[in-house]
Amino acid sequence: MKIQESAENYLEAILMLHNKNGNVRSIDIAGELEFSKPSVSVAMKNLRENGYIEVDENGYIYLLKEGQEIAERMYERHTLLSNWLISLGVTPKVALEDACRVEHVISAESFAAIKNHVNKDQTS
């Protein structure tokens, strides 16, 4: 199933916030992404209904297996692409913005080729 870019961004934000803070609530996501709390609530409902996240009785948000896989894939793409662009001389601000856009549209094949190229350069 093809997941929308906005859902990928939410899942990646949940992963990043969980890694940074341990627990994640809707208000944390709203602050991180600079979205309104009602918008985040609607998105969390959709992610929950589609089996990507779980929300406990205290409002803490947890990634389920499929959500975790998507979040990790987006985070890996974002990190590798932004670091690669910076190493090519792109300013960090532009590299982060471009990586955020590219991470959602690049094919698995192209990303794997870039990843392989970057890893070869690092071992040389």
C-alpha atoms as a PDB file:
ATOM      1  CA  MET A   1       0.000   0.000   0.000  1.00  0.00           C
ATOM      2  CA  LYS A   2       1.278   3.450  -0.936  1.00  0.00           C
ATOM      3  CA  ILE A   3       1.401   5.747   2.058  1.00  0.00           C
ATOM      4  CA  GLN A   4       1.069   9.500   1.665  1.00  0.00           C
ATOM      5  CA  GLU A   5       4.072  11.768   2.138  1.00  0.00           C
ATOM      6  CA  SER A   6       2.412  13.516   5.098  1.00  0.00           C
ATOM      7  CA  ALA A   7       1.939  10.168   6.869  1.00  0.00           C
ATOM      8  CA  GLU A   8       5.590   9.316   6.230  1.00  0.00           C
ATOM      9  CA  ASN A   9       6.581  12.655   7.784  1.00  0.00           C
ATOM     10  CA  TYR A  10       4.456  11.987  10.864  1.00  0.00           C
ATOM     11  CA  LEU A  11       5.898   8.493  11.303  1.00  0.00           C
ATOM     12  CA  GLU A  12       9.445   9.795  10.911  1.00  0.00           C
ATOM     13  CA  ALA A  13       8.738  12.552  13.460  1.00  0.00           C
ATOM     14  CA  ILE A  14       7.392   9.987  15.934  1.00  0.00           C
ATOM     15  CA  LEU A  15      10.565   7.912  15.525  1.00  0.00           C
ATOM     16  CA  MET A  16      12.841  10.922  15.961  1.00  0.00           C
ATOM     17  CA  LEU A  17      10.943  12.183  19.013  1.00  0.00           C
ATOM     18  CA  HIS A  18      10.905   8.718  20.559  1.00  0.00           C
ATOM     19  CA  ASN A  19      14.676   8.427  20.065  1.00  0.00           C
ATOM     20  CA  LYS A  20      15.173  11.891  21.568  1.00  0.00           C
ATOM     21  CA  ASN A  21      12.637  11.930  24.418  1.00  0.00           C
ATOM     22  CA  GLY A  22      11.498   8.364  24.994  1.00  0.00           C
ATOM     23  CA  ASN A  23       7.771   9.096  25.140  1.00  0.00           C
ATOM     24  CA  VAL A  24       5.804  10.802  22.375  1.00  0.00           C
ATOM     25  CA  ARG A  25       2.452  12.557  22.584  1.00  0.00           C
ATOM     26  CA  SER A  26       0.476  14.513  19.994  1.00  0.00           C
ATOM     27  CA  ILE A  27       1.575  17.832  21.488  1.00  0.00           C
ATOM     28  CA  ASP A  28       5.234  16.832  20.941  1.00  0.00           C
ATOM     29  CA  ILE A  29       4.539  16.091  17.283  1.00  0.00           C
ATOM     30  CA  ALA A  30       2.666  19.373  16.857  1.00  0.00           C
ATOM     31  CA  GLY A  31       5.643  21.245  18.286  1.00  0.00           C
ATOM     32  CA  GLU A  32       8.210  19.351  16.217  1.00  0.00           C
ATOM     33  CA  LEU A  33       6.389  19.755  12.905  1.00  0.00           C
ATOM     34  CA  GLU A  34       4.878  23.164  13.730  1.00  0.00           C
ATOM     35  CA  PHE A  35       1.350  21.907  13.002  1.00  0.00           C
ATOM     36  CA  SER A  36      -1.815  22.620  14.951  1.00  0.00           C
ATOM     37  CA  LYS A  37      -2.824  20.109  17.603  1.00  0.00           C
ATOM     38  CA  PRO A  38      -6.160  19.414  15.828  1.00  0.00           C
ATOM     39  CA  SER A  39      -4.315  18.611  12.576  1.00  0.00           C
ATOM     40  CA  VAL A  40      -2.001  16.238  14.419  1.00  0.00           C
ATOM     41  CA  SER A  41      -4.972  14.604  16.180  1.00  0.00           C
ATOM     42  CA  VAL A  42      -6.644  13.873  12.825  1.00  0.00           C
ATOM     43  CA  ALA A  43      -3.394  12.466  11.441  1.00  0.00           C
ATOM     44  CA  MET A  44      -2.865  10.274  14.524  1.00  0.00           C
ATOM     45  CA  LYS A  45      -6.402   8.925  14.175  1.00  0.00           C
ATOM     46  CA  ASN A  46      -5.722   8.008  10.533  1.00  0.00           C
ATOM     47  CA  LEU A  47      -2.368   6.404  11.363  1.00  0.00           C
ATOM     48  CA  ARG A  48      -3.976   4.433  14.195  1.00  0.00           C
ATOM     49  CA  GLU A  49      -6.879   3.269  12.036  1.00  0.00           C
ATOM     50  CA  ASN A  50      -4.450   2.129   9.330  1.00  0.00           C
ATOM     51  CA  GLY A  51      -2.337   0.108  11.754  1.00  0.00           C
ATOM     52  CA  TYR A  52       0.793   2.272  11.828  1.00  0.00           C
ATOM     53  CA  ILE A  53       0.625   3.466  15.439  1.00  0.00           C
ATOM     54  CA  GLU A  54      -0.924   2.651  18.771  1.00  0.00           C
ATOM     55  CA  VAL A  55      -2.008   5.218  21.351  1.00  0.00           C
ATOM     56  CA  ASP A  56      -2.218   4.101  24.981  1.00  0.00           C
ATOM     57  CA  GLU A  57      -4.649   5.294  27.655  1.00  0.00           C
ATOM     58  CA  ASN A  58      -2.202   8.073  28.661  1.00  0.00           C
ATOM     59  CA  GLY A  59      -1.965   9.438  25.122  1.00  0.00           C
ATOM     60  CA  TYR A  60       1.493   8.064  24.425  1.00  0.00           C
ATOM     61  CA  ILE A  61       2.082   7.125  20.800  1.00  0.00           C
ATOM     62  CA  TYR A  62       3.967   4.007  19.742  1.00  0.00           C
ATOM     63  CA  LEU A  63       4.947   2.856  16.285  1.00  0.00           C
ATOM     64  CA  LEU A  64       3.629  -0.541  15.263  1.00  0.00           C
ATOM     65  CA  LYS A  65       5.756  -2.836  13.070  1.00  0.00           C
ATOM     66  CA  GLU A  66       4.690  -1.384   9.715  1.00  0.00           C
ATOM     67  CA  GLY A  67       4.871   2.198  11.009  1.00  0.00           C
ATOM     68  CA  GLN A  68       8.320   1.536  12.469  1.00  0.00           C
ATOM     69  CA  GLU A  69       9.568   0.155   9.142  1.00  0.00           C
ATOM     70  CA  ILE A  70       8.324   3.190   7.218  1.00  0.00           C
ATOM     71  CA  ALA A  71       9.720   5.617   9.805  1.00  0.00           C
ATOM     72  CA  GLU A  72      13.131   3.957   9.767  1.00  0.00           C
ATOM     73  CA  ARG A  73      13.212   3.925   5.957  1.00  0.00           C
ATOM     74  CA  MET A  74      12.367   7.658   5.802  1.00  0.00           C
ATOM     75  CA  TYR A  75      14.866   8.517   8.525  1.00  0.00           C
ATOM     76  CA  GLU A  76      17.651   6.560   6.807  1.00  0.00           C
ATOM     77  CA  ARG A  77      16.915   8.258   3.497  1.00  0.00           C
ATOM     78  CA  HIS A  78      16.737  11.700   5.096  1.00  0.00           C
ATOM     79  CA  THR A  79      19.980  11.256   7.020  1.00  0.00           C
ATOM     80  CA  LEU A  80      21.989   9.769   4.165  1.00  0.00           C
ATOM     81  CA  LEU A  81      20.724  12.226   1.544  1.00  0.00           C
ATOM     82  CA  SER A  82      21.206  15.333   3.694  1.00  0.00           C
ATOM     83  CA  ASN A  83      24.721  14.278   4.762  1.00  0.00           C
ATOM     84  CA  TRP A  84      25.630  13.420   1.170  1.00  0.00           C
ATOM     85  CA  LEU A  85      24.390  16.783  -0.124  1.00  0.00           C
ATOM     86  CA  ILE A  86      26.314  18.599   2.598  1.00  0.00           C
ATOM     87  CA  SER A  87      29.469  16.661   1.639  1.00  0.00           C
ATOM     88  CA  LEU A  88      28.944  17.860  -1.939  1.00  0.00           C
ATOM     89  CA  GLY A  89      29.008  21.485  -0.742  1.00  0.00           C
ATOM     90  CA  VAL A  90      25.290  22.185  -0.353  1.00  0.00           C
ATOM     91  CA  THR A  91      24.538  24.364   2.668  1.00  0.00           C
ATOM     92  CA  PRO A  92      23.058  22.403   5.578  1.00  0.00           C
ATOM     93  CA  LYS A  93      19.754  24.308   5.456  1.00  0.00           C
ATOM     94  CA  VAL A  94      19.219  23.594   1.753  1.00  0.00           C
ATOM     95  CA  ALA A  95      20.486  20.006   2.088  1.00  0.00           C
ATOM     96  CA  LEU A  96      17.972  19.272   4.872  1.00  0.00           C
ATOM     97  CA  GLU A  97      15.104  20.825   2.915  1.00  0.00           C
ATOM     98  CA  ASP A  98      15.998  18.976  -0.290  1.00  0.00           C
ATOM     99  CA  ALA A  99      16.516  15.660   1.496  1.00  0.00           C
ATOM    100  CA  CYS A 100      13.090  16.042   3.104  1.00  0.00           C
ATOM    101  CA  ARG A 101      11.485  16.338  -0.321  1.00  0.00           C
ATOM    102  CA  VAL A 102      13.574  13.716  -2.132  1.00  0.00           C
ATOM    103  CA  GLU A 103      13.244  11.024   0.562  1.00  0.00           C
ATOM    104  CA  HIS A 104       9.571  10.548  -0.336  1.00  0.00           C
ATOM    105  CA  VAL A 105       9.864  10.262  -4.113  1.00  0.00           C
ATOM    106  CA  ILE A 106      13.159   8.488  -4.746  1.00  0.00           C
ATOM    107  CA  SER A 107      12.815   4.856  -5.807  1.00  0.00           C
ATOM    108  CA  ALA A 108      14.250   2.068  -3.686  1.00  0.00           C
ATOM    109  CA  GLU A 109      16.598   1.247  -6.567  1.00  0.00           C
ATOM    110  CA  SER A 110      17.977   4.778  -6.880  1.00  0.00           C
ATOM    111  CA  PHE A 111      18.350   5.159  -3.121  1.00  0.00           C
ATOM    112  CA  ALA A 112      20.205   1.836  -2.905  1.00  0.00           C
ATOM    113  CA  ALA A 113      22.580   2.990  -5.668  1.00  0.00           C
ATOM    114  CA  ILE A 114      23.262   6.301  -3.895  1.00  0.00           C
ATOM    115  CA  LYS A 115      23.724   4.506  -0.571  1.00  0.00           C
ATOM    116  CA  ASN A 116      26.165   2.059  -2.191  1.00  0.00           C
ATOM    117  CA  HIS A 117      28.087   4.947  -3.784  1.00  0.00           C
ATOM    118  CA  VAL A 118      28.261   6.919  -0.533  1.00  0.00           C
ATOM    119  CA  ASN A 119      29.399   3.852   1.422  1.00  0.00           C
ATOM    120  CA  LYS A 120      32.121   3.113  -1.162  1.00  0.00           C
ATOM    121  CA  ASP A 121      33.372   6.701  -0.855  1.00  0.00           C
ATOM    122  CA  GLN A 122      33.530   6.383   2.939  1.00  0.00           C
ATOM    123  CA  THR A 123      35.628   3.214   2.809  1.00  0.00           C
ATOM    124  CA  SER A 124      38.056   4.535   0.193  1.00  0.00           C
END
